[in-house]
Amino acid sequence: MIEQGKNTKRQDVHMQSRKLLEISGVINVESFDSEEFLLQTELGHLTIRGQNLHIKNLSLEQGLVAIEGLVNSLTYLEPGSQHKNKGLLGKMFK
């Protein structure tokens, strides 16, 4: 069991049937589209991939985000790694 001190950062991730994802500890929504979200969280950058993804609820003041759609993966990026941005041009020239 991991002990949590006073300054320990915390994040909760709750998923219901791969269709609703609720995340706490969110600092910023870096980018998003219907297939991928990139969130800056207290524990690092988090990539969420899936289909028909959209924001159901967002409160950066409280650090909460809820995402609906079919969730395929959640991945924390290692510090210093480069996120491959899937912009419009990236999708066109795939």
N, C-alpha and C. Protein backbone atom coordinates (compact mmCIF):
# COMPACT_ATOMS: atom_id res chain seq x y z
N MET A 1 0.84 -1.18 0.00
CA MET A 1 0.00 0.00 0.00
C MET A 1 0.89 1.24 0.00
N ILE A 2 0.51 2.24 -0.78
CA ILE A 2 1.29 3.47 -0.89
C ILE A 2 0.78 4.48 0.14
N GLU A 3 1.71 5.00 0.93
CA GLU A 3 1.33 6.01 1.91
C GLU A 3 1.23 7.35 1.23
N GLN A 4 0.23 8.13 1.63
CA GLN A 4 0.06 9.45 1.06
C GLN A 4 0.38 10.49 2.11
N GLY A 5 1.39 11.31 1.83
CA GLY A 5 1.76 12.38 2.73
C GLY A 5 0.91 13.61 2.47
N LYS A 6 1.20 14.69 3.20
CA LYS A 6 0.43 15.91 3.05
C LYS A 6 0.59 16.54 1.67
N ASN A 7 1.79 16.44 1.06
CA ASN A 7 2.05 17.08 -0.22
C ASN A 7 1.93 16.11 -1.40
N THR A 8 1.41 14.93 -1.17
CA THR A 8 1.27 13.95 -2.24
C THR A 8 0.15 14.38 -3.19
N LYS A 9 0.47 14.36 -4.47
CA LYS A 9 -0.54 14.69 -5.47
C LYS A 9 -1.46 13.50 -5.65
N ARG A 10 -2.71 13.78 -5.95
CA ARG A 10 -3.70 12.72 -6.03
C ARG A 10 -4.50 12.86 -7.32
N GLN A 11 -4.85 11.72 -7.86
CA GLN A 11 -5.70 11.70 -9.04
C GLN A 11 -6.57 10.47 -8.98
N ASP A 12 -7.84 10.67 -9.26
CA ASP A 12 -8.77 9.56 -9.32
C ASP A 12 -9.28 9.43 -10.75
N VAL A 13 -9.35 8.19 -11.22
CA VAL A 13 -9.88 7.90 -12.54
C VAL A 13 -10.99 6.89 -12.35
N HIS A 14 -12.18 7.22 -12.83
CA HIS A 14 -13.33 6.33 -12.69
C HIS A 14 -13.95 6.14 -14.07
N MET A 15 -14.05 4.87 -14.50
CA MET A 15 -14.63 4.58 -15.80
C MET A 15 -15.83 3.67 -15.64
N GLN A 16 -16.89 3.99 -16.37
CA GLN A 16 -18.10 3.17 -16.35
C GLN A 16 -18.29 2.56 -17.73
N SER A 17 -18.13 1.25 -17.82
CA SER A 17 -18.41 0.47 -19.04
C SER A 17 -17.71 1.01 -20.28
N ARG A 18 -16.53 1.61 -20.11
CA ARG A 18 -15.74 2.18 -21.22
C ARG A 18 -16.49 3.29 -21.95
N LYS A 19 -17.59 3.80 -21.38
CA LYS A 19 -18.39 4.83 -22.06
C LYS A 19 -18.38 6.17 -21.35
N LEU A 20 -18.02 6.20 -20.09
CA LEU A 20 -17.94 7.44 -19.34
C LEU A 20 -16.69 7.40 -18.47
N LEU A 21 -15.87 8.43 -18.62
CA LEU A 21 -14.60 8.50 -17.90
C LEU A 21 -14.59 9.79 -17.09
N GLU A 22 -14.41 9.68 -15.78
CA GLU A 22 -14.35 10.84 -14.90
C GLU A 22 -12.96 10.89 -14.26
N ILE A 23 -12.30 12.04 -14.39
CA ILE A 23 -10.92 12.18 -13.93
C ILE A 23 -10.81 13.41 -13.05
N SER A 24 -10.13 13.27 -11.90
CA SER A 24 -9.83 14.41 -11.04
C SER A 24 -8.34 14.71 -11.15
N GLY A 25 -7.93 15.85 -10.64
CA GLY A 25 -6.52 16.23 -10.69
C GLY A 25 -6.10 16.78 -12.04
N VAL A 26 -7.07 17.26 -12.82
CA VAL A 26 -6.78 17.80 -14.15
C VAL A 26 -6.42 19.27 -14.03
N ILE A 27 -5.29 19.64 -14.61
CA ILE A 27 -4.83 21.03 -14.60
C ILE A 27 -5.27 21.76 -15.86
N ASN A 28 -5.17 21.07 -17.02
CA ASN A 28 -5.51 21.71 -18.28
C ASN A 28 -5.86 20.65 -19.32
N VAL A 29 -6.72 21.02 -20.27
CA VAL A 29 -6.99 20.19 -21.44
C VAL A 29 -6.12 20.75 -22.56
N GLU A 30 -5.04 20.02 -22.90
CA GLU A 30 -4.07 20.50 -23.88
C GLU A 30 -4.64 20.46 -25.30
N SER A 31 -5.27 19.35 -25.66
CA SER A 31 -5.88 19.22 -26.98
C SER A 31 -6.91 18.10 -26.92
N PHE A 32 -7.84 18.14 -27.89
CA PHE A 32 -8.82 17.07 -27.96
C PHE A 32 -9.50 17.06 -29.32
N ASP A 33 -9.92 15.87 -29.69
CA ASP A 33 -10.80 15.67 -30.83
C ASP A 33 -11.62 14.42 -30.54
N SER A 34 -12.34 13.93 -31.52
CA SER A 34 -13.24 12.79 -31.26
C SER A 34 -12.51 11.48 -31.05
N GLU A 35 -11.18 11.45 -31.31
CA GLU A 35 -10.41 10.22 -31.14
C GLU A 35 -9.35 10.29 -30.06
N GLU A 36 -8.98 11.50 -29.61
CA GLU A 36 -7.89 11.61 -28.65
C GLU A 36 -7.98 12.87 -27.81
N PHE A 37 -7.73 12.71 -26.52
CA PHE A 37 -7.63 13.83 -25.59
C PHE A 37 -6.24 13.82 -24.99
N LEU A 38 -5.65 14.99 -24.79
CA LEU A 38 -4.39 15.12 -24.07
C LEU A 38 -4.64 16.05 -22.89
N LEU A 39 -4.51 15.51 -21.68
CA LEU A 39 -4.76 16.27 -20.47
C LEU A 39 -3.47 16.46 -19.70
N GLN A 40 -3.29 17.65 -19.15
CA GLN A 40 -2.20 17.89 -18.21
C GLN A 40 -2.80 17.66 -16.83
N THR A 41 -2.25 16.70 -16.09
CA THR A 41 -2.78 16.37 -14.77
C THR A 41 -1.69 16.57 -13.72
N GLU A 42 -2.08 16.46 -12.49
CA GLU A 42 -1.13 16.59 -11.39
C GLU A 42 -0.07 15.49 -11.41
N LEU A 43 -0.37 14.38 -12.08
CA LEU A 43 0.57 13.26 -12.13
C LEU A 43 1.24 13.12 -13.50
N GLY A 44 1.12 14.12 -14.36
CA GLY A 44 1.73 14.08 -15.68
C GLY A 44 0.70 14.17 -16.78
N HIS A 45 1.19 14.14 -18.01
CA HIS A 45 0.29 14.20 -19.16
C HIS A 45 -0.39 12.85 -19.36
N LEU A 46 -1.68 12.90 -19.63
CA LEU A 46 -2.49 11.70 -19.80
C LEU A 46 -3.15 11.76 -21.17
N THR A 47 -2.94 10.71 -21.97
CA THR A 47 -3.58 10.60 -23.28
C THR A 47 -4.71 9.61 -23.19
N ILE A 48 -5.88 10.02 -23.68
CA ILE A 48 -7.05 9.15 -23.73
C ILE A 48 -7.40 8.96 -25.20
N ARG A 49 -7.49 7.71 -25.63
CA ARG A 49 -7.82 7.43 -27.03
C ARG A 49 -9.11 6.62 -27.08
N GLY A 50 -9.88 6.85 -28.15
CA GLY A 50 -11.13 6.13 -28.31
C GLY A 50 -11.87 6.58 -29.55
N GLN A 51 -13.18 6.44 -29.51
CA GLN A 51 -14.04 6.79 -30.63
C GLN A 51 -15.20 7.63 -30.13
N ASN A 52 -15.57 8.63 -30.91
CA ASN A 52 -16.69 9.52 -30.59
C ASN A 52 -16.54 10.15 -29.20
N LEU A 53 -15.32 10.54 -28.85
CA LEU A 53 -15.06 11.14 -27.55
C LEU A 53 -15.51 12.61 -27.54
N HIS A 54 -16.11 13.01 -26.44
CA HIS A 54 -16.46 14.42 -26.26
C HIS A 54 -16.54 14.72 -24.76
N ILE A 55 -16.39 15.99 -24.44
CA ILE A 55 -16.43 16.43 -23.04
C ILE A 55 -17.87 16.49 -22.58
N LYS A 56 -18.15 15.81 -21.50
CA LYS A 56 -19.48 15.87 -20.89
C LYS A 56 -19.50 16.99 -19.85
N ASN A 57 -18.43 17.08 -19.06
CA ASN A 57 -18.32 18.05 -17.98
C ASN A 57 -16.88 18.50 -17.86
N LEU A 58 -16.66 19.78 -17.58
CA LEU A 58 -15.31 20.29 -17.39
C LEU A 58 -15.34 21.38 -16.34
N SER A 59 -14.50 21.23 -15.32
CA SER A 59 -14.32 22.25 -14.29
C SER A 59 -12.85 22.27 -13.90
N LEU A 60 -12.08 23.15 -14.56
CA LEU A 60 -10.67 23.23 -14.25
C LEU A 60 -10.44 23.83 -12.86
N GLU A 61 -11.39 24.64 -12.37
CA GLU A 61 -11.28 25.18 -11.02
C GLU A 61 -11.25 24.06 -9.99
N GLN A 62 -12.04 23.02 -10.23
CA GLN A 62 -12.08 21.86 -9.34
C GLN A 62 -11.17 20.74 -9.81
N GLY A 63 -10.59 20.88 -11.01
CA GLY A 63 -9.70 19.85 -11.55
C GLY A 63 -10.42 18.62 -12.03
N LEU A 64 -11.67 18.77 -12.49
CA LEU A 64 -12.48 17.63 -12.89
C LEU A 64 -12.83 17.68 -14.37
N VAL A 65 -12.79 16.52 -15.02
CA VAL A 65 -13.26 16.40 -16.39
C VAL A 65 -14.00 15.08 -16.54
N ALA A 66 -15.09 15.11 -17.31
CA ALA A 66 -15.83 13.89 -17.64
C ALA A 66 -15.88 13.78 -19.16
N ILE A 67 -15.52 12.62 -19.67
CA ILE A 67 -15.46 12.39 -21.11
C ILE A 67 -16.37 11.22 -21.45
N GLU A 68 -17.20 11.42 -22.47
CA GLU A 68 -18.09 10.35 -22.96
C GLU A 68 -17.60 9.85 -24.31
N GLY A 69 -17.92 8.61 -24.63
CA GLY A 69 -17.54 7.97 -25.88
C GLY A 69 -16.96 6.61 -25.57
N LEU A 70 -16.49 5.92 -26.59
CA LEU A 70 -15.90 4.61 -26.38
C LEU A 70 -14.42 4.78 -26.09
N VAL A 71 -14.00 4.45 -24.88
CA VAL A 71 -12.61 4.61 -24.45
C VAL A 71 -11.83 3.35 -24.80
N ASN A 72 -10.73 3.53 -25.55
CA ASN A 72 -9.87 2.41 -25.93
C ASN A 72 -8.61 2.31 -25.09
N SER A 73 -8.05 3.48 -24.69
CA SER A 73 -6.81 3.42 -23.90
C SER A 73 -6.60 4.69 -23.10
N LEU A 74 -5.87 4.51 -21.99
CA LEU A 74 -5.39 5.61 -21.15
C LEU A 74 -3.89 5.41 -21.02
N THR A 75 -3.11 6.46 -21.32
CA THR A 75 -1.66 6.33 -21.27
C THR A 75 -1.06 7.57 -20.64
N TYR A 76 -0.24 7.37 -19.60
CA TYR A 76 0.53 8.48 -19.03
C TYR A 76 1.82 8.60 -19.82
N LEU A 77 2.14 9.81 -20.27
CA LEU A 77 3.36 10.05 -21.01
C LEU A 77 4.51 10.25 -20.04
N GLU A 78 5.64 9.69 -20.37
CA GLU A 78 6.83 9.86 -19.54
C GLU A 78 7.28 11.32 -19.60
N PRO A 79 7.76 11.88 -18.49
CA PRO A 79 8.25 13.26 -18.51
C PRO A 79 9.34 13.42 -19.56
N GLY A 80 9.23 14.48 -20.36
CA GLY A 80 10.21 14.76 -21.38
C GLY A 80 9.92 14.10 -22.72
N SER A 81 8.92 13.20 -22.78
CA SER A 81 8.59 12.57 -24.06
C SER A 81 7.77 13.54 -24.90
N GLN A 82 7.89 13.42 -26.20
CA GLN A 82 7.16 14.29 -27.11
C GLN A 82 5.85 13.63 -27.49
N HIS A 83 4.76 14.38 -27.38
CA HIS A 83 3.46 13.89 -27.79
C HIS A 83 3.33 14.10 -29.30
N LYS A 84 2.95 13.06 -30.01
CA LYS A 84 2.76 13.17 -31.45
C LYS A 84 1.39 13.79 -31.69
N ASN A 85 1.41 15.07 -32.05
CA ASN A 85 0.17 15.79 -32.27
C ASN A 85 -0.49 15.35 -33.56
N LYS A 86 -1.74 14.96 -33.47
CA LYS A 86 -2.50 14.51 -34.61
C LYS A 86 -3.37 15.65 -35.10
N GLY A 87 -2.76 16.69 -35.61
CA GLY A 87 -3.51 17.81 -36.14
C GLY A 87 -4.17 17.46 -37.45
N LEU A 88 -4.81 18.44 -38.03
CA LEU A 88 -5.53 18.24 -39.28
C LEU A 88 -4.59 17.75 -40.37
N LEU A 89 -3.43 18.37 -40.51
CA LEU A 89 -2.48 17.95 -41.54
C LEU A 89 -1.97 16.54 -41.28
N GLY A 90 -1.72 16.22 -40.01
CA GLY A 90 -1.26 14.88 -39.66
C GLY A 90 -2.27 13.81 -40.05
N LYS A 91 -3.55 14.12 -39.91
CA LYS A 91 -4.59 13.16 -40.26
C LYS A 91 -4.73 13.03 -41.77
N MET A 92 -4.54 14.13 -42.49
CA MET A 92 -4.70 14.11 -43.94
C MET A 92 -3.57 13.33 -44.61
N PHE A 93 -2.36 13.42 -44.08
CA PHE A 93 -1.20 12.79 -44.70
C PHE A 93 -0.76 11.55 -43.95
N LYS A 94 -1.66 10.83 -43.39
CA LYS A 94 -1.41 9.63 -42.60
C LYS A 94 -0.84 8.54 -43.45
